[in-house]
Amino acid sequence: MTNEIGSELEQLIRERAFQIWIEAGQPHGRDKEHWQQATDELLSGTAPPLQPGLVDSGEGQVPAESDTADHQRRGG
């Protein structure tokens, strides 16, 4: 059960961090800052609802913190 909660929280953090990154204009090199902001917001209960359409709800996944930085370095 603890793993399920941890996995669910990590997914929520990932989705919120991605939303923050989009809202910030997809800046390069701020993934750790966005990840921490998302974590803080979710743990304090101040995170706004996720915006529909920003996060892939199908087969794809929102990139993990380090995946986003790798993607940015490659120019994507």
PDB file of N, CA and C in Angstrom:
ATOM      1  N   MET A   1       0.819  -1.197   0.000  1.00  0.00           N
ATOM      2  CA  MET A   1       0.000   0.000   0.000  1.00  0.00           C
ATOM      3  C   MET A   1       0.865   1.263   0.000  1.00  0.00           C
ATOM      4  N   THR A   2       1.946   1.281   0.760  1.00  0.00           N
ATOM      5  CA  THR A   2       2.817   2.439   0.799  1.00  0.00           C
ATOM      6  C   THR A   2       3.413   2.717  -0.579  1.00  0.00           C
ATOM      7  N   ASN A   3       3.787   1.658  -1.307  1.00  0.00           N
ATOM      8  CA  ASN A   3       4.317   1.851  -2.652  1.00  0.00           C
ATOM      9  C   ASN A   3       3.289   2.484  -3.572  1.00  0.00           C
ATOM     10  N   GLU A   4       2.028   2.078  -3.421  1.00  0.00           N
ATOM     11  CA  GLU A   4       0.961   2.654  -4.241  1.00  0.00           C
ATOM     12  C   GLU A   4       0.818   4.146  -3.966  1.00  0.00           C
ATOM     13  N   ILE A   5       0.845   4.517  -2.698  1.00  0.00           N
ATOM     14  CA  ILE A   5       0.723   5.930  -2.334  1.00  0.00           C
ATOM     15  C   ILE A   5       1.924   6.699  -2.859  1.00  0.00           C
ATOM     16  N   GLY A   6       3.115   6.138  -2.699  1.00  0.00           N
ATOM     17  CA  GLY A   6       4.321   6.786  -3.203  1.00  0.00           C
ATOM     18  C   GLY A   6       4.286   6.955  -4.706  1.00  0.00           C
ATOM     19  N   SER A   7       3.819   5.929  -5.411  1.00  0.00           N
ATOM     20  CA  SER A   7       3.726   5.995  -6.873  1.00  0.00           C
ATOM     21  C   SER A   7       2.700   7.030  -7.311  1.00  0.00           C
ATOM     22  N   GLU A   8       1.584   7.064  -6.619  1.00  0.00           N
ATOM     23  CA  GLU A   8       0.545   8.040  -6.958  1.00  0.00           C
ATOM     24  C   GLU A   8       1.033   9.462  -6.695  1.00  0.00           C
ATOM     25  N   LEU A   9       1.720   9.670  -5.569  1.00  0.00           N
ATOM     26  CA  LEU A   9       2.245  10.995  -5.253  1.00  0.00           C
ATOM     27  C   LEU A   9       3.297  11.408  -6.275  1.00  0.00           C
ATOM     28  N   GLU A  10       4.180  10.486  -6.629  1.00  0.00           N
ATOM     29  CA  GLU A  10       5.201  10.810  -7.622  1.00  0.00           C
ATOM     30  C   GLU A  10       4.568  11.193  -8.957  1.00  0.00           C
ATOM     31  N   GLN A  11       3.515  10.495  -9.355  1.00  0.00           N
ATOM     32  CA  GLN A  11       2.835  10.819 -10.607  1.00  0.00           C
ATOM     33  C   GLN A  11       2.193  12.202 -10.532  1.00  0.00           C
ATOM     34  N   LEU A  12       1.584  12.522  -9.401  1.00  0.00           N
ATOM     35  CA  LEU A  12       0.989  13.852  -9.232  1.00  0.00           C
ATOM     36  C   LEU A  12       2.059  14.938  -9.281  1.00  0.00           C
ATOM     37  N   ILE A  13       3.198  14.684  -8.636  1.00  0.00           N
ATOM     38  CA  ILE A  13       4.304  15.641  -8.674  1.00  0.00           C
ATOM     39  C   ILE A  13       4.788  15.812 -10.099  1.00  0.00           C
ATOM     40  N   ARG A  14       4.946  14.709 -10.799  1.00  0.00           N
ATOM     41  CA  ARG A  14       5.418  14.748 -12.194  1.00  0.00           C
ATOM     42  C   ARG A  14       4.468  15.582 -13.053  1.00  0.00           C
ATOM     43  N   GLU A  15       3.163  15.344 -12.891  1.00  0.00           N
ATOM     44  CA  GLU A  15       2.174  16.065 -13.695  1.00  0.00           C
ATOM     45  C   GLU A  15       2.158  17.549 -13.350  1.00  0.00           C
ATOM     46  N   ARG A  16       2.250  17.870 -12.047  1.00  0.00           N
ATOM     47  CA  ARG A  16       2.242  19.283 -11.648  1.00  0.00           C
ATOM     48  C   ARG A  16       3.527  19.971 -12.096  1.00  0.00           C
ATOM     49  N   ALA A  17       4.664  19.300 -11.981  1.00  0.00           N
ATOM     50  CA  ALA A  17       5.934  19.888 -12.425  1.00  0.00           C
ATOM     51  C   ALA A  17       5.899  20.162 -13.924  1.00  0.00           C
ATOM     52  N   PHE A  18       5.311  19.266 -14.666  1.00  0.00           N
ATOM     53  CA  PHE A  18       5.174  19.459 -16.112  1.00  0.00           C
ATOM     54  C   PHE A  18       4.294  20.673 -16.394  1.00  0.00           C
ATOM     55  N   GLN A  19       3.208  20.791 -15.647  1.00  0.00           N
ATOM     56  CA  GLN A  19       2.308  21.939 -15.819  1.00  0.00           C
ATOM     57  C   GLN A  19       3.044  23.241 -15.496  1.00  0.00           C
ATOM     58  N   ILE A  20       3.827  23.252 -14.434  1.00  0.00           N
ATOM     59  CA  ILE A  20       4.598  24.438 -14.068  1.00  0.00           C
ATOM     60  C   ILE A  20       5.576  24.787 -15.183  1.00  0.00           C
ATOM     61  N   TRP A  21       6.233  23.777 -15.730  1.00  0.00           N
ATOM     62  CA  TRP A  21       7.193  23.979 -16.820  1.00  0.00           C
ATOM     63  C   TRP A  21       6.510  24.600 -18.039  1.00  0.00           C
ATOM     64  N   ILE A  22       5.324  24.087 -18.389  1.00  0.00           N
ATOM     65  CA  ILE A  22       4.560  24.632 -19.515  1.00  0.00           C
ATOM     66  C   ILE A  22       4.182  26.084 -19.230  1.00  0.00           C
ATOM     67  N   GLU A  23       3.653  26.330 -18.030  1.00  0.00           N
ATOM     68  CA  GLU A  23       3.221  27.687 -17.671  1.00  0.00           C
ATOM     69  C   GLU A  23       4.385  28.671 -17.670  1.00  0.00           C
ATOM     70  N   ALA A  24       5.588  28.192 -17.375  1.00  0.00           N
ATOM     71  CA  ALA A  24       6.771  29.054 -17.323  1.00  0.00           C
ATOM     72  C   ALA A  24       7.385  29.270 -18.703  1.00  0.00           C
ATOM     73  N   GLY A  25       6.793  28.689 -19.733  1.00  0.00           N
ATOM     74  CA  GLY A  25       7.302  28.867 -21.088  1.00  0.00           C
ATOM     75  C   GLY A  25       8.333  27.835 -21.503  1.00  0.00           C
ATOM     76  N   GLN A  26       8.359  26.700 -20.827  1.00  0.00           N
ATOM     77  CA  GLN A  26       9.249  25.583 -21.119  1.00  0.00           C
ATOM     78  C   GLN A  26      10.726  25.979 -21.058  1.00  0.00           C
ATOM     79  N   PRO A  27      11.129  26.646 -19.964  1.00  0.00           N
ATOM     80  CA  PRO A  27      12.518  27.093 -19.859  1.00  0.00           C
ATOM     81  C   PRO A  27      13.486  25.926 -19.678  1.00  0.00           C
ATOM     82  N   HIS A  28      14.675  26.115 -20.153  1.00  0.00           N
ATOM     83  CA  HIS A  28      15.717  25.100 -20.047  1.00  0.00           C
ATOM     84  C   HIS A  28      16.365  25.144 -18.660  1.00  0.00           C
ATOM     85  N   GLY A  29      16.605  23.970 -18.090  1.00  0.00           N
ATOM     86  CA  GLY A  29      17.403  23.864 -16.879  1.00  0.00           C
ATOM     87  C   GLY A  29      16.714  24.180 -15.570  1.00  0.00           C
ATOM     88  N   ARG A  30      15.403  24.267 -15.557  1.00  0.00           N
ATOM     89  CA  ARG A  30      14.706  24.586 -14.306  1.00  0.00           C
ATOM     90  C   ARG A  30      13.865  23.413 -13.801  1.00  0.00           C
ATOM     91  N   ASP A  31      14.175  22.205 -14.281  1.00  0.00           N
ATOM     92  CA  ASP A  31      13.366  21.040 -13.924  1.00  0.00           C
ATOM     93  C   ASP A  31      13.390  20.747 -12.426  1.00  0.00           C
ATOM     94  N   LYS A  32      14.543  20.880 -11.791  1.00  0.00           N
ATOM     95  CA  LYS A  32      14.612  20.618 -10.348  1.00  0.00           C
ATOM     96  C   LYS A  32      13.785  21.641  -9.563  1.00  0.00           C
ATOM     97  N   GLU A  33      13.835  22.882  -9.991  1.00  0.00           N
ATOM     98  CA  GLU A  33      13.038  23.938  -9.359  1.00  0.00           C
ATOM     99  C   GLU A  33      11.546  23.644  -9.507  1.00  0.00           C
ATOM    100  N   HIS A  34      11.134  23.239 -10.700  1.00  0.00           N
ATOM    101  CA  HIS A  34       9.722  22.928 -10.943  1.00  0.00           C
ATOM    102  C   HIS A  34       9.293  21.701 -10.149  1.00  0.00           C
ATOM    103  N   TRP A  35      10.169  20.709 -10.071  1.00  0.00           N
ATOM    104  CA  TRP A  35       9.871  19.491  -9.302  1.00  0.00           C
ATOM    105  C   TRP A  35       9.676  19.843  -7.832  1.00  0.00           C
ATOM    106  N   GLN A  36      10.559  20.684  -7.280  1.00  0.00           N
ATOM    107  CA  GLN A  36      10.448  21.071  -5.874  1.00  0.00           C
ATOM    108  C   GLN A  36       9.196  21.905  -5.635  1.00  0.00           C
ATOM    109  N   GLN A  37       8.899  22.813  -6.550  1.00  0.00           N
ATOM    110  CA  GLN A  37       7.695  23.627  -6.414  1.00  0.00           C
ATOM    111  C   GLN A  37       6.448  22.739  -6.427  1.00  0.00           C
ATOM    112  N   ALA A  38       6.416  21.782  -7.332  1.00  0.00           N
ATOM    113  CA  ALA A  38       5.272  20.868  -7.413  1.00  0.00           C
ATOM    114  C   ALA A  38       5.142  20.059  -6.125  1.00  0.00           C
ATOM    115  N   THR A  39       6.263  19.574  -5.625  1.00  0.00           N
ATOM    116  CA  THR A  39       6.256  18.805  -4.377  1.00  0.00           C
ATOM    117  C   THR A  39       5.720  19.653  -3.236  1.00  0.00           C
ATOM    118  N   ASP A  40       6.253  20.866  -3.106  1.00  0.00           N
ATOM    119  CA  ASP A  40       5.810  21.761  -2.034  1.00  0.00           C
ATOM    120  C   ASP A  40       4.316  22.054  -2.128  1.00  0.00           C
ATOM    121  N   GLU A  41       3.848  22.352  -3.334  1.00  0.00           N
ATOM    122  CA  GLU A  41       2.431  22.671  -3.535  1.00  0.00           C
ATOM    123  C   GLU A  41       1.540  21.487  -3.175  1.00  0.00           C
ATOM    124  N   LEU A  42       1.925  20.310  -3.630  1.00  0.00           N
ATOM    125  CA  LEU A  42       1.088  19.135  -3.384  1.00  0.00           C
ATOM    126  C   LEU A  42       1.073  18.754  -1.904  1.00  0.00           C
ATOM    127  N   LEU A  43       2.221  18.823  -1.250  1.00  0.00           N
ATOM    128  CA  LEU A  43       2.281  18.457   0.162  1.00  0.00           C
ATOM    129  C   LEU A  43       1.595  19.476   1.059  1.00  0.00           C
ATOM    130  N   SER A  44       1.547  20.735   0.619  1.00  0.00           N
ATOM    131  CA  SER A  44       0.886  21.768   1.420  1.00  0.00           C
ATOM    132  C   SER A  44      -0.591  21.928   1.059  1.00  0.00           C
ATOM    133  N   GLY A  45      -1.004  21.272  -0.023  1.00  0.00           N
ATOM    134  CA  GLY A  45      -2.398  21.362  -0.442  1.00  0.00           C
ATOM    135  C   GLY A  45      -2.722  22.618  -1.228  1.00  0.00           C
ATOM    136  N   THR A  46      -1.702  23.303  -1.753  1.00  0.00           N
ATOM    137  CA  THR A  46      -1.942  24.549  -2.477  1.00  0.00           C
ATOM    138  C   THR A  46      -1.846  24.401  -3.989  1.00  0.00           C
ATOM    139  N   ALA A  47      -1.630  23.193  -4.477  1.00  0.00           N
ATOM    140  CA  ALA A  47      -1.512  22.982  -5.926  1.00  0.00           C
ATOM    141  C   ALA A  47      -2.870  23.196  -6.586  1.00  0.00           C
ATOM    142  N   PRO A  48      -2.898  23.958  -7.678  1.00  0.00           N
ATOM    143  CA  PRO A  48      -4.158  24.117  -8.412  1.00  0.00           C
ATOM    144  C   PRO A  48      -4.485  22.828  -9.155  1.00  0.00           C
ATOM    145  N   PRO A  49      -5.724  22.675  -9.579  1.00  0.00           N
ATOM    146  CA  PRO A  49      -6.069  21.479 -10.357  1.00  0.00           C
ATOM    147  C   PRO A  49      -5.274  21.447 -11.655  1.00  0.00           C
ATOM    148  N   LEU A  50      -4.959  20.251 -12.111  1.00  0.00           N
ATOM    149  CA  LEU A  50      -4.248  20.117 -13.382  1.00  0.00           C
ATOM    150  C   LEU A  50      -5.130  20.602 -14.513  1.00  0.00           C
ATOM    151  N   GLN A  51      -4.513  21.253 -15.484  1.00  0.00           N
ATOM    152  CA  GLN A  51      -5.247  21.737 -16.638  1.00  0.00           C
ATOM    153  C   GLN A  51      -5.427  20.595 -17.628  1.00  0.00           C
ATOM    154  N   PRO A  52      -6.647  20.361 -18.076  1.00  0.00           N
ATOM    155  CA  PRO A  52      -6.872  19.294 -19.055  1.00  0.00           C
ATOM    156  C   PRO A  52      -6.096  19.571 -20.329  1.00  0.00           C
ATOM    157  N   GLY A  53      -5.556  18.523 -20.905  1.00  0.00           N
ATOM    158  CA  GLY A  53      -4.858  18.642 -22.171  1.00  0.00           C
ATOM    159  C   GLY A  53      -3.366  18.888 -22.054  1.00  0.00           C
ATOM    160  N   LEU A  54      -2.881  19.334 -20.886  1.00  0.00           N
ATOM    161  CA  LEU A  54      -1.448  19.543 -20.729  1.00  0.00           C
ATOM    162  C   LEU A  54      -0.721  18.231 -20.504  1.00  0.00           C
ATOM    163  N   VAL A  55      -1.387  17.321 -19.823  1.00  0.00           N
ATOM    164  CA  VAL A  55      -0.769  16.054 -19.470  1.00  0.00           C
ATOM    165  C   VAL A  55      -1.384  14.961 -20.308  1.00  0.00           C
ATOM    166  N   ASP A  56      -0.534  14.142 -20.897  1.00  0.00           N
ATOM    167  CA  ASP A  56      -0.992  13.026 -21.730  1.00  0.00           C
ATOM    168  C   ASP A  56      -1.670  11.991 -20.847  1.00  0.00           C
ATOM    169  N   SER A  57      -2.950  11.750 -21.063  1.00  0.00           N
ATOM    170  CA  SER A  57      -3.688  10.802 -20.232  1.00  0.00           C
ATOM    171  C   SER A  57      -3.805   9.431 -20.884  1.00  0.00           C
ATOM    172  N   GLY A  58      -3.236   9.261 -22.051  1.00  0.00           N
ATOM    173  CA  GLY A  58      -3.324   7.979 -22.743  1.00  0.00           C
ATOM    174  C   GLY A  58      -2.130   7.095 -22.454  1.00  0.00           C
ATOM    175  N   GLU A  59      -1.559   6.544 -23.518  1.00  0.00           N
ATOM    176  CA  GLU A  59      -0.463   5.609 -23.360  1.00  0.00           C
ATOM    177  C   GLU A  59       0.841   6.303 -22.983  1.00  0.00           C
ATOM    178  N   GLY A  60       1.021   7.539 -23.408  1.00  0.00           N
ATOM    179  CA  GLY A  60       2.246   8.264 -23.101  1.00  0.00           C
ATOM    180  C   GLY A  60       2.272   8.684 -21.649  1.00  0.00           C
ATOM    181  N   GLN A  61       3.432   9.144 -21.231  1.00  0.00           N
ATOM    182  CA  GLN A  61       3.573   9.582 -19.852  1.00  0.00           C
ATOM    183  C   GLN A  61       4.239  10.948 -19.821  1.00  0.00           C
ATOM    184  N   VAL A  62       3.967  11.666 -18.761  1.00  0.00           N
ATOM    185  CA  VAL A  62       4.655  12.918 -18.523  1.00  0.00           C
ATOM    186  C   VAL A  62       6.093  12.558 -18.179  1.00  0.00           C
ATOM    187  N   PRO A  63       7.073  13.281 -18.721  1.00  0.00           N
ATOM    188  CA  PRO A  63       8.460  12.941 -18.439  1.00  0.00           C
ATOM    189  C   PRO A  63       8.811  13.113 -16.970  1.00  0.00           C
ATOM    190  N   ALA A  64       9.680  12.246 -16.473  1.00  0.00           N
ATOM    191  CA  ALA A  64      10.193  12.382 -15.119  1.00  0.00           C
ATOM    192  C   ALA A  64      11.090  13.601 -15.059  1.00  0.00           C
ATOM    193  N   GLU A  65      11.454  14.013 -13.866  1.00  0.00           N
ATOM    194  CA  GLU A  65      12.264  15.211 -13.674  1.00  0.00           C
ATOM    195  C   GLU A  65      13.506  15.188 -14.551  1.00  0.00           C
ATOM    196  N   SER A  66      14.267  14.127 -14.516  1.00  0.00           N
ATOM    197  CA  SER A  66      15.501  14.068 -15.289  1.00  0.00           C
ATOM    198  C   SER A  66      15.224  13.909 -16.778  1.00  0.00           C
ATOM    199  N   ASP A  67      14.125  13.268 -17.153  1.00  0.00           N
ATOM    200  CA  ASP A  67      13.763  13.106 -18.561  1.00  0.00           C
ATOM    201  C   ASP A  67      13.484  14.445 -19.213  1.00  0.00           C
ATOM    202  N   THR A  68      12.856  15.358 -18.476  1.00  0.00           N
ATOM    203  CA  THR A  68      12.539  16.665 -19.008  1.00  0.00           C
ATOM    204  C   THR A  68      13.820  17.428 -19.323  1.00  0.00           C
ATOM    205  N   ALA A  69      14.798  17.358 -18.442  1.00  0.00           N
ATOM    206  CA  ALA A  69      16.070  18.048 -18.675  1.00  0.00           C
ATOM    207  C   ALA A  69      16.777  17.445 -19.882  1.00  0.00           C
ATOM    208  N   ASP A  70      16.773  16.125 -20.008  1.00  0.00           N
ATOM    209  CA  ASP A  70      17.395  15.480 -21.158  1.00  0.00           C
ATOM    210  C   ASP A  70      16.712  15.914 -22.445  1.00  0.00           C
ATOM    211  N   HIS A  71      15.399  15.974 -22.424  1.00  0.00           N
ATOM    212  CA  HIS A  71      14.628  16.368 -23.589  1.00  0.00           C
ATOM    213  C   HIS A  71      14.969  17.810 -23.970  1.00  0.00           C
ATOM    214  N   GLN A  72      15.094  18.673 -22.995  1.00  0.00           N
ATOM    215  CA  GLN A  72      15.409  20.074 -23.246  1.00  0.00           C
ATOM    216  C   GLN A  72      16.802  20.213 -23.858  1.00  0.00           C
ATOM    217  N   ARG A  73      17.771  19.443 -23.344  1.00  0.00           N
ATOM    218  CA  ARG A  73      19.135  19.521 -23.879  1.00  0.00           C
ATOM    219  C   ARG A  73      19.200  19.095 -25.325  1.00  0.00           C
ATOM    220  N   ARG A  74      18.332  18.164 -25.721  1.00  0.00           N
ATOM    221  CA  ARG A  74      18.323  17.693 -27.093  1.00  0.00           C
ATOM    222  C   ARG A  74      17.569  18.648 -28.005  1.00  0.00           C
ATOM    223  N   GLY A  75      17.009  19.699 -27.430  1.00  0.00           N
ATOM    224  CA  GLY A  75      16.319  20.693 -28.234  1.00  0.00           C
ATOM    225  C   GLY A  75      14.857  20.369 -28.477  1.00  0.00           C
ATOM    226  N   GLY A  76      14.288  19.440 -27.698  1.00  0.00           N
ATOM    227  CA  GLY A  76      12.891  19.054 -27.902  1.00  0.00           C
ATOM    228  C   GLY A  76      11.915  19.772 -27.104  1.00  0.00           C
TER     229      GLY A  76
END
